[in-house]
Amino acid sequence: MRKHYTEAQRVALLELVTTGTPLRAAARQLQVGKSTAYRWLKRARPTTPPARGGAAARPTPRRPTFARLIRAPADRTAMTLRVGGAVIEVHAGFDAGLLRALIAALEAPAP
């Protein structure tokens, strides 16, 4: 019988791995199969497009395959985003382009 996992388990596993916990230990802690944990991690990481004409492929960022959505009360005018270790509070009327650039900068590897 196929086992079904919750969104909370996926998010918890990715948070553990991104904070330094080895993937196998995080999977064991959350009672998730090792192959399932590797698949979740692969889906959440950037992918590399196929090379053309023998040229080296460049990694391109990829949006995560899932996101955790939390319903907020109707009177809330702000939302909180967590990107890696950063917490960003976004208020009504925000600049979407600036937010995208900020998230891309936070996801970019350190030089």
PDB file of N, CA and C in Angstrom:
ATOM      1  N   MET A   1       0.839  -1.177   0.000  1.00  0.00           N
ATOM      2  CA  MET A   1       0.000   0.000   0.000  1.00  0.00           C
ATOM      3  C   MET A   1       0.888   1.246   0.000  1.00  0.00           C
ATOM      4  N   ARG A   2       0.533   2.193  -0.791  1.00  0.00           N
ATOM      5  CA  ARG A   2       1.297   3.431  -0.915  1.00  0.00           C
ATOM      6  C   ARG A   2       1.046   4.326   0.295  1.00  0.00           C
ATOM      7  N   LYS A   3       2.129   4.894   0.830  1.00  0.00           N
ATOM      8  CA  LYS A   3       2.022   5.770   1.990  1.00  0.00           C
ATOM      9  C   LYS A   3       1.843   7.210   1.524  1.00  0.00           C
ATOM     10  N   HIS A   4       0.961   7.933   2.164  1.00  0.00           N
ATOM     11  CA  HIS A   4       0.706   9.331   1.822  1.00  0.00           C
ATOM     12  C   HIS A   4       1.288  10.225   2.897  1.00  0.00           C
ATOM     13  N   TYR A   5       2.005  11.263   2.462  1.00  0.00           N
ATOM     14  CA  TYR A   5       2.639  12.201   3.377  1.00  0.00           C
ATOM     15  C   TYR A   5       1.922  13.544   3.323  1.00  0.00           C
ATOM     16  N   THR A   6       2.060  14.299   4.391  1.00  0.00           N
ATOM     17  CA  THR A   6       1.407  15.604   4.455  1.00  0.00           C
ATOM     18  C   THR A   6       2.352  16.693   3.967  1.00  0.00           C
ATOM     19  N   GLU A   7       1.769  17.823   3.633  1.00  0.00           N
ATOM     20  CA  GLU A   7       2.557  18.997   3.237  1.00  0.00           C
ATOM     21  C   GLU A   7       3.477  19.411   4.385  1.00  0.00           C
ATOM     22  N   ALA A   8       2.990  19.285   5.608  1.00  0.00           N
ATOM     23  CA  ALA A   8       3.791  19.654   6.786  1.00  0.00           C
ATOM     24  C   ALA A   8       5.052  18.793   6.871  1.00  0.00           C
ATOM     25  N   GLN A   9       4.950  17.492   6.524  1.00  0.00           N
ATOM     26  CA  GLN A   9       6.123  16.631   6.536  1.00  0.00           C
ATOM     27  C   GLN A   9       7.131  17.078   5.474  1.00  0.00           C
ATOM     28  N   ARG A  10       6.654  17.445   4.289  1.00  0.00           N
ATOM     29  CA  ARG A  10       7.562  17.913   3.226  1.00  0.00           C
ATOM     30  C   ARG A  10       8.290  19.173   3.663  1.00  0.00           C
ATOM     31  N   VAL A  11       7.532  20.118   4.185  1.00  0.00           N
ATOM     32  CA  VAL A  11       8.123  21.386   4.607  1.00  0.00           C
ATOM     33  C   VAL A  11       9.112  21.158   5.739  1.00  0.00           C
ATOM     34  N   ALA A  12       8.746  20.336   6.712  1.00  0.00           N
ATOM     35  CA  ALA A  12       9.633  20.060   7.843  1.00  0.00           C
ATOM     36  C   ALA A  12      10.928  19.411   7.374  1.00  0.00           C
ATOM     37  N   LEU A  13      10.833  18.479   6.439  1.00  0.00           N
ATOM     38  CA  LEU A  13      12.037  17.821   5.934  1.00  0.00           C
ATOM     39  C   LEU A  13      12.958  18.824   5.238  1.00  0.00           C
ATOM     40  N   LEU A  14      12.390  19.661   4.373  1.00  0.00           N
ATOM     41  CA  LEU A  14      13.207  20.646   3.664  1.00  0.00           C
ATOM     42  C   LEU A  14      13.832  21.654   4.630  1.00  0.00           C
ATOM     43  N   GLU A  15      13.081  22.060   5.661  1.00  0.00           N
ATOM     44  CA  GLU A  15      13.636  22.993   6.644  1.00  0.00           C
ATOM     45  C   GLU A  15      14.785  22.353   7.409  1.00  0.00           C
ATOM     46  N   LEU A  16      14.644  21.086   7.796  1.00  0.00           N
ATOM     47  CA  LEU A  16      15.721  20.393   8.506  1.00  0.00           C
ATOM     48  C   LEU A  16      16.974  20.300   7.643  1.00  0.00           C
ATOM     49  N   VAL A  17      16.777  19.914   6.376  1.00  0.00           N
ATOM     50  CA  VAL A  17      17.927  19.740   5.476  1.00  0.00           C
ATOM     51  C   VAL A  17      18.606  21.077   5.203  1.00  0.00           C
ATOM     52  N   THR A  18      17.828  22.143   5.000  1.00  0.00           N
ATOM     53  CA  THR A  18      18.436  23.438   4.695  1.00  0.00           C
ATOM     54  C   THR A  18      19.103  24.058   5.916  1.00  0.00           C
ATOM     55  N   THR A  19      18.779  23.582   7.112  1.00  0.00           N
ATOM     56  CA  THR A  19      19.449  24.103   8.312  1.00  0.00           C
ATOM     57  C   THR A  19      20.620  23.228   8.734  1.00  0.00           C
ATOM     58  N   GLY A  20      20.973  22.226   7.916  1.00  0.00           N
ATOM     59  CA  GLY A  20      22.197  21.476   8.184  1.00  0.00           C
ATOM     60  C   GLY A  20      22.022  20.030   8.614  1.00  0.00           C
ATOM     61  N   THR A  21      20.818  19.579   8.840  1.00  0.00           N
ATOM     62  CA  THR A  21      20.601  18.183   9.225  1.00  0.00           C
ATOM     63  C   THR A  21      20.814  17.299   7.999  1.00  0.00           C
ATOM     64  N   PRO A  22      21.596  16.212   8.135  1.00  0.00           N
ATOM     65  CA  PRO A  22      21.764  15.301   6.998  1.00  0.00           C
ATOM     66  C   PRO A  22      20.411  14.747   6.549  1.00  0.00           C
ATOM     67  N   LEU A  23      20.264  14.550   5.243  1.00  0.00           N
ATOM     68  CA  LEU A  23      18.987  14.125   4.683  1.00  0.00           C
ATOM     69  C   LEU A  23      18.509  12.816   5.287  1.00  0.00           C
ATOM     70  N   ARG A  24      19.397  11.858   5.442  1.00  0.00           N
ATOM     71  CA  ARG A  24      18.991  10.556   5.997  1.00  0.00           C
ATOM     72  C   ARG A  24      18.487  10.697   7.429  1.00  0.00           C
ATOM     73  N   ALA A  25      19.155  11.540   8.213  1.00  0.00           N
ATOM     74  CA  ALA A  25      18.728  11.750   9.602  1.00  0.00           C
ATOM     75  C   ALA A  25      17.375  12.452   9.649  1.00  0.00           C
ATOM     76  N   ALA A  26      17.174  13.436   8.770  1.00  0.00           N
ATOM     77  CA  ALA A  26      15.895  14.151   8.725  1.00  0.00           C
ATOM     78  C   ALA A  26      14.781  13.200   8.310  1.00  0.00           C
ATOM     79  N   ALA A  27      15.037  12.353   7.327  1.00  0.00           N
ATOM     80  CA  ALA A  27      14.030  11.388   6.871  1.00  0.00           C
ATOM     81  C   ALA A  27      13.681  10.412   7.990  1.00  0.00           C
ATOM     82  N   ARG A  28      14.685   9.934   8.685  1.00  0.00           N
ATOM     83  CA  ARG A  28      14.455   8.996   9.787  1.00  0.00           C
ATOM     84  C   ARG A  28      13.644   9.671  10.897  1.00  0.00           C
ATOM     85  N   GLN A  29      14.001  10.920  11.222  1.00  0.00           N
ATOM     86  CA  GLN A  29      13.313  11.668  12.275  1.00  0.00           C
ATOM     87  C   GLN A  29      11.838  11.873  11.954  1.00  0.00           C
ATOM     88  N   LEU A  30      11.513  12.140  10.676  1.00  0.00           N
ATOM     89  CA  LEU A  30      10.135  12.406  10.267  1.00  0.00           C
ATOM     90  C   LEU A  30       9.405  11.157   9.771  1.00  0.00           C
ATOM     91  N   GLN A  31      10.079   9.998   9.849  1.00  0.00           N
ATOM     92  CA  GLN A  31       9.517   8.720   9.411  1.00  0.00           C
ATOM     93  C   GLN A  31       9.096   8.763   7.945  1.00  0.00           C
ATOM     94  N   VAL A  32      10.006   9.301   7.127  1.00  0.00           N
ATOM     95  CA  VAL A  32       9.802   9.394   5.679  1.00  0.00           C
ATOM     96  C   VAL A  32      10.821   8.478   5.028  1.00  0.00           C
ATOM     97  N   GLY A  33      10.413   7.782   3.991  1.00  0.00           N
ATOM     98  CA  GLY A  33      11.342   6.917   3.277  1.00  0.00           C
ATOM     99  C   GLY A  33      12.502   7.716   2.690  1.00  0.00           C
ATOM    100  N   LYS A  34      13.668   7.084   2.658  1.00  0.00           N
ATOM    101  CA  LYS A  34      14.869   7.752   2.154  1.00  0.00           C
ATOM    102  C   LYS A  34      14.704   8.194   0.704  1.00  0.00           C
ATOM    103  N   SER A  35      14.159   7.325  -0.142  1.00  0.00           N
ATOM    104  CA  SER A  35      13.998   7.679  -1.556  1.00  0.00           C
ATOM    105  C   SER A  35      12.975   8.809  -1.725  1.00  0.00           C
ATOM    106  N   THR A  36      11.950   8.801  -0.892  1.00  0.00           N
ATOM    107  CA  THR A  36      10.950   9.876  -0.936  1.00  0.00           C
ATOM    108  C   THR A  36      11.599  11.199  -0.547  1.00  0.00           C
ATOM    109  N   ALA A  37      12.423  11.183   0.493  1.00  0.00           N
ATOM    110  CA  ALA A  37      13.102  12.400   0.954  1.00  0.00           C
ATOM    111  C   ALA A  37      14.019  12.944  -0.138  1.00  0.00           C
ATOM    112  N   TYR A  38      14.761  12.064  -0.806  1.00  0.00           N
ATOM    113  CA  TYR A  38      15.630  12.516  -1.891  1.00  0.00           C
ATOM    114  C   TYR A  38      14.805  13.115  -3.028  1.00  0.00           C
ATOM    115  N   ARG A  39      13.649  12.538  -3.342  1.00  0.00           N
ATOM    116  CA  ARG A  39      12.790  13.065  -4.413  1.00  0.00           C
ATOM    117  C   ARG A  39      12.257  14.454  -4.052  1.00  0.00           C
ATOM    118  N   TRP A  40      11.831  14.646  -2.806  1.00  0.00           N
ATOM    119  CA  TRP A  40      11.347  15.961  -2.377  1.00  0.00           C
ATOM    120  C   TRP A  40      12.451  16.997  -2.486  1.00  0.00           C
ATOM    121  N   LEU A  41      13.651  16.619  -2.058  1.00  0.00           N
ATOM    122  CA  LEU A  41      14.781  17.549  -2.114  1.00  0.00           C
ATOM    123  C   LEU A  41      15.121  17.887  -3.566  1.00  0.00           C
ATOM    124  N   LYS A  42      15.091  16.901  -4.435  1.00  0.00           N
ATOM    125  CA  LYS A  42      15.389  17.132  -5.857  1.00  0.00           C
ATOM    126  C   LYS A  42      14.369  18.080  -6.476  1.00  0.00           C
ATOM    127  N   ARG A  43      13.096  17.909  -6.139  1.00  0.00           N
ATOM    128  CA  ARG A  43      12.054  18.774  -6.692  1.00  0.00           C
ATOM    129  C   ARG A  43      12.184  20.209  -6.201  1.00  0.00           C
ATOM    130  N   ALA A  44      12.708  20.396  -5.018  1.00  0.00           N
ATOM    131  CA  ALA A  44      12.818  21.739  -4.446  1.00  0.00           C
ATOM    132  C   ALA A  44      14.086  22.468  -4.878  1.00  0.00           C
ATOM    133  N   ARG A  45      15.064  21.762  -5.430  1.00  0.00           N
ATOM    134  CA  ARG A  45      16.330  22.378  -5.845  1.00  0.00           C
ATOM    135  C   ARG A  45      16.271  22.828  -7.292  1.00  0.00           C
ATOM    136  N   PRO A  46      17.160  23.779  -7.653  1.00  0.00           N
ATOM    137  CA  PRO A  46      17.230  24.225  -9.055  1.00  0.00           C
ATOM    138  C   PRO A  46      17.627  23.074  -9.972  1.00  0.00           C
ATOM    139  N   THR A  47      17.197  23.162 -11.222  1.00  0.00           N
ATOM    140  CA  THR A  47      17.542  22.131 -12.201  1.00  0.00           C
ATOM    141  C   THR A  47      18.509  22.684 -13.236  1.00  0.00           C
ATOM    142  N   THR A  48      19.119  21.798 -13.964  1.00  0.00           N
ATOM    143  CA  THR A  48      20.035  22.174 -15.032  1.00  0.00           C
ATOM    144  C   THR A  48      19.403  21.792 -16.363  1.00  0.00           C
ATOM    145  N   PRO A  49      19.233  22.751 -17.290  1.00  0.00           N
ATOM    146  CA  PRO A  49      18.631  22.415 -18.584  1.00  0.00           C
ATOM    147  C   PRO A  49      19.593  21.571 -19.419  1.00  0.00           C
ATOM    148  N   PRO A  50      19.090  20.827 -20.393  1.00  0.00           N
ATOM    149  CA  PRO A  50      19.974  20.016 -21.229  1.00  0.00           C
ATOM    150  C   PRO A  50      20.929  20.896 -22.035  1.00  0.00           C
ATOM    151  N   ALA A  51      22.147  20.400 -22.225  1.00  0.00           N
ATOM    152  CA  ALA A  51      23.167  21.145 -22.981  1.00  0.00           C
ATOM    153  C   ALA A  51      22.830  21.110 -24.471  1.00  0.00           C
ATOM    154  N   ARG A  52      23.172  22.190 -25.172  1.00  0.00           N
ATOM    155  CA  ARG A  52      22.953  22.267 -26.623  1.00  0.00           C
ATOM    156  C   ARG A  52      24.294  22.238 -27.334  1.00  0.00           C
ATOM    157  N   GLY A  53      24.390  21.400 -28.319  1.00  0.00           N
ATOM    158  CA  GLY A  53      25.584  21.355 -29.145  1.00  0.00           C
ATOM    159  C   GLY A  53      26.864  21.108 -28.369  1.00  0.00           C
ATOM    160  N   GLY A  54      26.788  20.347 -27.296  1.00  0.00           N
ATOM    161  CA  GLY A  54      27.981  20.034 -26.523  1.00  0.00           C
ATOM    162  C   GLY A  54      28.397  21.128 -25.548  1.00  0.00           C
ATOM    163  N   ALA A  55      27.703  22.253 -25.540  1.00  0.00           N
ATOM    164  CA  ALA A  55      28.054  23.327 -24.613  1.00  0.00           C
ATOM    165  C   ALA A  55      27.668  22.931 -23.196  1.00  0.00           C
ATOM    166  N   ALA A  56      28.417  23.450 -22.245  1.00  0.00           N
ATOM    167  CA  ALA A  56      28.128  23.156 -20.844  1.00  0.00           C
ATOM    168  C   ALA A  56      26.790  23.778 -20.451  1.00  0.00           C
ATOM    169  N   ALA A  57      26.013  23.029 -19.717  1.00  0.00           N
ATOM    170  CA  ALA A  57      24.708  23.535 -19.274  1.00  0.00           C
ATOM    171  C   ALA A  57      24.897  24.447 -18.067  1.00  0.00           C
ATOM    172  N   ARG A  58      24.100  25.488 -18.007  1.00  0.00           N
ATOM    173  CA  ARG A  58      24.146  26.412 -16.876  1.00  0.00           C
ATOM    174  C   ARG A  58      22.950  26.148 -15.974  1.00  0.00           C
ATOM    175  N   PRO A  59      23.184  26.107 -14.653  1.00  0.00           N
ATOM    176  CA  PRO A  59      22.046  25.910 -13.764  1.00  0.00           C
ATOM    177  C   PRO A  59      21.105  27.108 -13.834  1.00  0.00           C
ATOM    178  N   THR A  60      19.819  26.829 -13.871  1.00  0.00           N
ATOM    179  CA  THR A  60      18.833  27.894 -13.851  1.00  0.00           C
ATOM    180  C   THR A  60      17.936  27.690 -12.643  1.00  0.00           C
ATOM    181  N   PRO A  61      17.596  28.765 -11.967  1.00  0.00           N
ATOM    182  CA  PRO A  61      16.739  28.592 -10.799  1.00  0.00           C
ATOM    183  C   PRO A  61      15.369  28.071 -11.194  1.00  0.00           C
ATOM    184  N   ARG A  62      14.805  27.256 -10.352  1.00  0.00           N
ATOM    185  CA  ARG A  62      13.489  26.700 -10.599  1.00  0.00           C
ATOM    186  C   ARG A  62      12.630  26.959  -9.377  1.00  0.00           C
ATOM    187  N   ARG A  63      11.396  27.312  -9.613  1.00  0.00           N
ATOM    188  CA  ARG A  63      10.491  27.539  -8.496  1.00  0.00           C
ATOM    189  C   ARG A  63      10.207  26.210  -7.811  1.00  0.00           C
ATOM    190  N   PRO A  64      10.026  26.232  -6.495  1.00  0.00           N
ATOM    191  CA  PRO A  64       9.689  24.980  -5.802  1.00  0.00           C
ATOM    192  C   PRO A  64       8.406  24.389  -6.370  1.00  0.00           C
ATOM    193  N   THR A  65       8.297  23.077  -6.278  1.00  0.00           N
ATOM    194  CA  THR A  65       7.123  22.416  -6.827  1.00  0.00           C
ATOM    195  C   THR A  65       5.921  22.520  -5.904  1.00  0.00           C
ATOM    196  N   PHE A  66       6.125  22.973  -4.683  1.00  0.00           N
ATOM    197  CA  PHE A  66       5.009  23.172  -3.784  1.00  0.00           C
ATOM    198  C   PHE A  66       5.323  24.332  -2.852  1.00  0.00           C
ATOM    199  N   ALA A  67       4.313  24.913  -2.298  1.00  0.00           N
ATOM    200  CA  ALA A  67       4.474  25.999  -1.338  1.00  0.00           C
ATOM    201  C   ALA A  67       3.442  25.822  -0.244  1.00  0.00           C
ATOM    202  N   ARG A  68       3.809  26.177   0.945  1.00  0.00           N
ATOM    203  CA  ARG A  68       2.884  26.072   2.059  1.00  0.00           C
ATOM    204  C   ARG A  68       2.067  27.355   2.124  1.00  0.00           C
ATOM    205  N   LEU A  69       0.757  27.237   2.002  1.00  0.00           N
ATOM    206  CA  LEU A  69      -0.139  28.385   2.077  1.00  0.00           C
ATOM    207  C   LEU A  69      -0.871  28.348   3.403  1.00  0.00           C
ATOM    208  N   ILE A  70      -0.916  29.487   4.053  1.00  0.00           N
ATOM    209  CA  ILE A  70      -1.574  29.586   5.346  1.00  0.00           C
ATOM    210  C   ILE A  70      -2.660  30.641   5.230  1.00  0.00           C
ATOM    211  N   ARG A  71      -3.865  30.291   5.575  1.00  0.00           N
ATOM    212  CA  ARG A  71      -4.967  31.255   5.527  1.00  0.00           C
ATOM    213  C   ARG A  71      -4.801  32.250   6.664  1.00  0.00           C
ATOM    214  N   ALA A  72      -4.960  33.509   6.318  1.00  0.00           N
ATOM    215  CA  ALA A  72      -4.850  34.576   7.306  1.00  0.00           C
ATOM    216  C   ALA A  72      -6.237  35.174   7.538  1.00  0.00           C
ATOM    217  N   PRO A  73      -6.457  35.754   8.709  1.00  0.00           N
ATOM    218  CA  PRO A  73      -7.741  36.417   8.947  1.00  0.00           C
ATOM    219  C   PRO A  73      -7.964  37.526   7.912  1.00  0.00           C
ATOM    220  N   ALA A  74      -9.218  37.809   7.608  1.00  0.00           N
ATOM    221  CA  ALA A  74      -9.561  38.801   6.585  1.00  0.00           C
ATOM    222  C   ALA A  74      -9.052  40.193   6.927  1.00  0.00           C
ATOM    223  N   ASP A  75      -8.895  40.500   8.205  1.00  0.00           N
ATOM    224  CA  ASP A  75      -8.446  41.836   8.594  1.00  0.00           C
ATOM    225  C   ASP A  75      -6.933  42.010   8.531  1.00  0.00           C
ATOM    226  N   ARG A  76      -6.185  40.953   8.185  1.00  0.00           N
ATOM    227  CA  ARG A  76      -4.723  41.061   8.065  1.00  0.00           C
ATOM    228  C   ARG A  76      -4.365  41.765   6.767  1.00  0.00           C
ATOM    229  N   THR A  77      -3.455  42.706   6.833  1.00  0.00           N
ATOM    230  CA  THR A  77      -3.028  43.428   5.635  1.00  0.00           C
ATOM    231  C   THR A  77      -1.594  43.094   5.276  1.00  0.00           C
ATOM    232  N   ALA A  78      -1.015  42.100   5.922  1.00  0.00           N
ATOM    233  CA  ALA A  78       0.372  41.725   5.648  1.00  0.00           C
ATOM    234  C   ALA A  78       0.481  40.211   5.630  1.00  0.00           C
ATOM    235  N   MET A  79       1.539  39.714   4.969  1.00  0.00           N
ATOM    236  CA  MET A  79       1.841  38.286   5.013  1.00  0.00           C
ATOM    237  C   MET A  79       3.324  38.133   5.283  1.00  0.00           C
ATOM    238  N   THR A  80       3.688  37.018   5.863  1.00  0.00           N
ATOM    239  CA  THR A  80       5.074  36.744   6.205  1.00  0.00           C
ATOM    240  C   THR A  80       5.576  35.623   5.311  1.00  0.00           C
ATOM    241  N   LEU A  81       6.731  35.833   4.687  1.00  0.00           N
ATOM    242  CA  LEU A  81       7.365  34.836   3.823  1.00  0.00           C
ATOM    243  C   LEU A  81       8.654  34.386   4.483  1.00  0.00           C
ATOM    244  N   ARG A  82       8.945  33.099   4.365  1.00  0.00           N
ATOM    245  CA  ARG A  82      10.223  32.575   4.854  1.00  0.00           C
ATOM    246  C   ARG A  82      10.983  32.036   3.665  1.00  0.00           C
ATOM    247  N   VAL A  83      12.178  32.595   3.427  1.00  0.00           N
ATOM    248  CA  VAL A  83      13.049  32.154   2.334  1.00  0.00           C
ATOM    249  C   VAL A  83      14.381  31.801   2.974  1.00  0.00           C
ATOM    250  N   GLY A  84      14.681  30.493   3.003  1.00  0.00           N
ATOM    251  CA  GLY A  84      15.880  30.074   3.701  1.00  0.00           C
ATOM    252  C   GLY A  84      15.759  30.463   5.163  1.00  0.00           C
ATOM    253  N   GLY A  85      16.721  31.208   5.686  1.00  0.00           N
ATOM    254  CA  GLY A  85      16.675  31.662   7.064  1.00  0.00           C
ATOM    255  C   GLY A  85      16.088  33.049   7.223  1.00  0.00           C
ATOM    256  N   ALA A  86      15.719  33.699   6.120  1.00  0.00           N
ATOM    257  CA  ALA A  86      15.201  35.067   6.181  1.00  0.00           C
ATOM    258  C   ALA A  86      13.681  35.066   6.322  1.00  0.00           C
ATOM    259  N   VAL A  87      13.176  36.039   7.073  1.00  0.00           N
ATOM    260  CA  VAL A  87      11.743  36.223   7.232  1.00  0.00           C
ATOM    261  C   VAL A  87      11.399  37.605   6.687  1.00  0.00           C
ATOM    262  N   ILE A  88      10.464  37.651   5.728  1.00  0.00           N
ATOM    263  CA  ILE A  88      10.087  38.903   5.075  1.00  0.00           C
ATOM    264  C   ILE A  88       8.608  39.153   5.324  1.00  0.00           C
ATOM    265  N   GLU A  89       8.279  40.333   5.815  1.00  0.00           N
ATOM    266  CA  GLU A  89       6.869  40.695   5.999  1.00  0.00           C
ATOM    267  C   GLU A  89       6.471  41.607   4.851  1.00  0.00           C
ATOM    268  N   VAL A  90       5.418  41.219   4.134  1.00  0.00           N
ATOM    269  CA  VAL A  90       4.949  41.943   2.952  1.00  0.00           C
ATOM    270  C   VAL A  90       3.594  42.564   3.262  1.00  0.00           C
ATOM    271  N   HIS A  91       3.482  43.862   3.032  1.00  0.00           N
ATOM    272  CA  HIS A  91       2.240  44.583   3.289  1.00  0.00           C
ATOM    273  C   HIS A  91       1.504  44.857   1.980  1.00  0.00           C
ATOM    274  N   ALA A  92       0.227  45.196   2.079  1.00  0.00           N
ATOM    275  CA  ALA A  92      -0.581  45.516   0.907  1.00  0.00           C
ATOM    276  C   ALA A  92       0.088  46.631   0.108  1.00  0.00           C
ATOM    277  N   GLY A  93       0.048  46.523  -1.217  1.00  0.00           N
ATOM    278  CA  GLY A  93       0.630  47.537  -2.080  1.00  0.00           C
ATOM    279  C   GLY A  93       2.125  47.345  -2.319  1.00  0.00           C
ATOM    280  N   PHE A  94       2.672  46.158  -2.002  1.00  0.00           N
ATOM    281  CA  PHE A  94       4.105  45.918  -2.178  1.00  0.00           C
ATOM    282  C   PHE A  94       4.473  45.897  -3.660  1.00  0.00           C
ATOM    283  N   ASP A  95       5.767  46.083  -3.936  1.00  0.00           N
ATOM    284  CA  ASP A  95       6.293  46.047  -5.298  1.00  0.00           C
ATOM    285  C   ASP A  95       6.669  44.593  -5.613  1.00  0.00           C
ATOM    286  N   ALA A  96       5.887  43.921  -6.458  1.00  0.00           N
ATOM    287  CA  ALA A  96       6.105  42.507  -6.753  1.00  0.00           C
ATOM    288  C   ALA A  96       7.468  42.262  -7.403  1.00  0.00           C
ATOM    289  N   GLY A  97       7.903  43.161  -8.273  1.00  0.00           N
ATOM    290  CA  GLY A  97       9.210  43.007  -8.920  1.00  0.00           C
ATOM    291  C   GLY A  97      10.341  43.053  -7.913  1.00  0.00           C
ATOM    292  N   LEU A  98      10.245  43.973  -6.962  1.00  0.00           N
ATOM    293  CA  LEU A  98      11.257  44.076  -5.920  1.00  0.00           C
ATOM    294  C   LEU A  98      11.269  42.822  -5.049  1.00  0.00           C
ATOM    295  N   LEU A  99      10.099  42.290  -4.729  1.00  0.00           N
ATOM    296  CA  LEU A  99      10.014  41.072  -3.929  1.00  0.00           C
ATOM    297  C   LEU A  99      10.648  39.899  -4.665  1.00  0.00           C
ATOM    298  N   ARG A 100      10.374  39.767  -5.981  1.00  0.00           N
ATOM    299  CA  ARG A 100      10.998  38.696  -6.772  1.00  0.00           C
ATOM    300  C   ARG A 100      12.513  38.826  -6.768  1.00  0.00           C
ATOM    301  N   ALA A 101      13.015  40.047  -6.937  1.00  0.00           N
ATOM    302  CA  ALA A 101      14.471  40.264  -6.953  1.00  0.00           C
ATOM    303  C   ALA A 101      15.074  39.925  -5.588  1.00  0.00           C
ATOM    304  N   LEU A 102      14.388  40.271  -4.512  1.00  0.00           N
ATOM    305  CA  LEU A 102      14.879  39.959  -3.168  1.00  0.00           C
ATOM    306  C   LEU A 102      14.936  38.467  -2.930  1.00  0.00           C
ATOM    307  N   ILE A 103      13.889  37.757  -3.329  1.00  0.00           N
ATOM    308  CA  ILE A 103      13.863  36.302  -3.150  1.00  0.00           C
ATOM    309  C   ILE A 103      14.952  35.652  -3.991  1.00  0.00           C
ATOM    310  N   ALA A 104      15.144  36.118  -5.220  1.00  0.00           N
ATOM    311  CA  ALA A 104      16.203  35.559  -6.076  1.00  0.00           C
ATOM    312  C   ALA A 104      17.570  35.792  -5.449  1.00  0.00           C
ATOM    313  N   ALA A 105      17.783  36.962  -4.850  1.00  0.00           N
ATOM    314  CA  ALA A 105      19.061  37.259  -4.206  1.00  0.00           C
ATOM    315  C   ALA A 105      19.276  36.367  -2.986  1.00  0.00           C
ATOM    316  N   LEU A 106      18.219  36.084  -2.236  1.00  0.00           N
ATOM    317  CA  LEU A 106      18.332  35.226  -1.062  1.00  0.00           C
ATOM    318  C   LEU A 106      18.581  33.770  -1.455  1.00  0.00           C
ATOM    319  N   GLU A 107      18.066  33.347  -2.611  1.00  0.00           N
ATOM    320  CA  GLU A 107      18.246  31.975  -3.059  1.00  0.00           C
ATOM    321  C   GLU A 107      19.567  31.757  -3.785  1.00  0.00           C
ATOM    322  N   ALA A 108      20.190  32.835  -4.247  1.00  0.00           N
ATOM    323  CA  ALA A 108      21.444  32.731  -5.008  1.00  0.00           C
ATOM    324  C   ALA A 108      22.550  32.221  -4.108  1.00  0.00           C
ATOM    325  N   PRO A 109      23.434  31.374  -4.647  1.00  0.00           N
ATOM    326  CA  PRO A 109      24.556  30.879  -3.849  1.00  0.00           C
ATOM    327  C   PRO A 109      25.506  32.033  -3.485  1.00  0.00           C
ATOM    328  N   ALA A 110      26.097  31.925  -2.317  1.00  0.00           N
ATOM    329  CA  ALA A 110      27.051  32.950  -1.874  1.00  0.00           C
ATOM    330  C   ALA A 110      28.295  32.917  -2.758  1.00  0.00           C
ATOM    331  N   PRO A 111      28.863  34.106  -3.093  1.00  0.00           N
ATOM    332  CA  PRO A 111      30.051  34.126  -3.955  1.00  0.00           C
ATOM    333  C   PRO A 111      31.264  33.561  -3.276  1.00  0.00           C
TER     334      PRO A 111
END
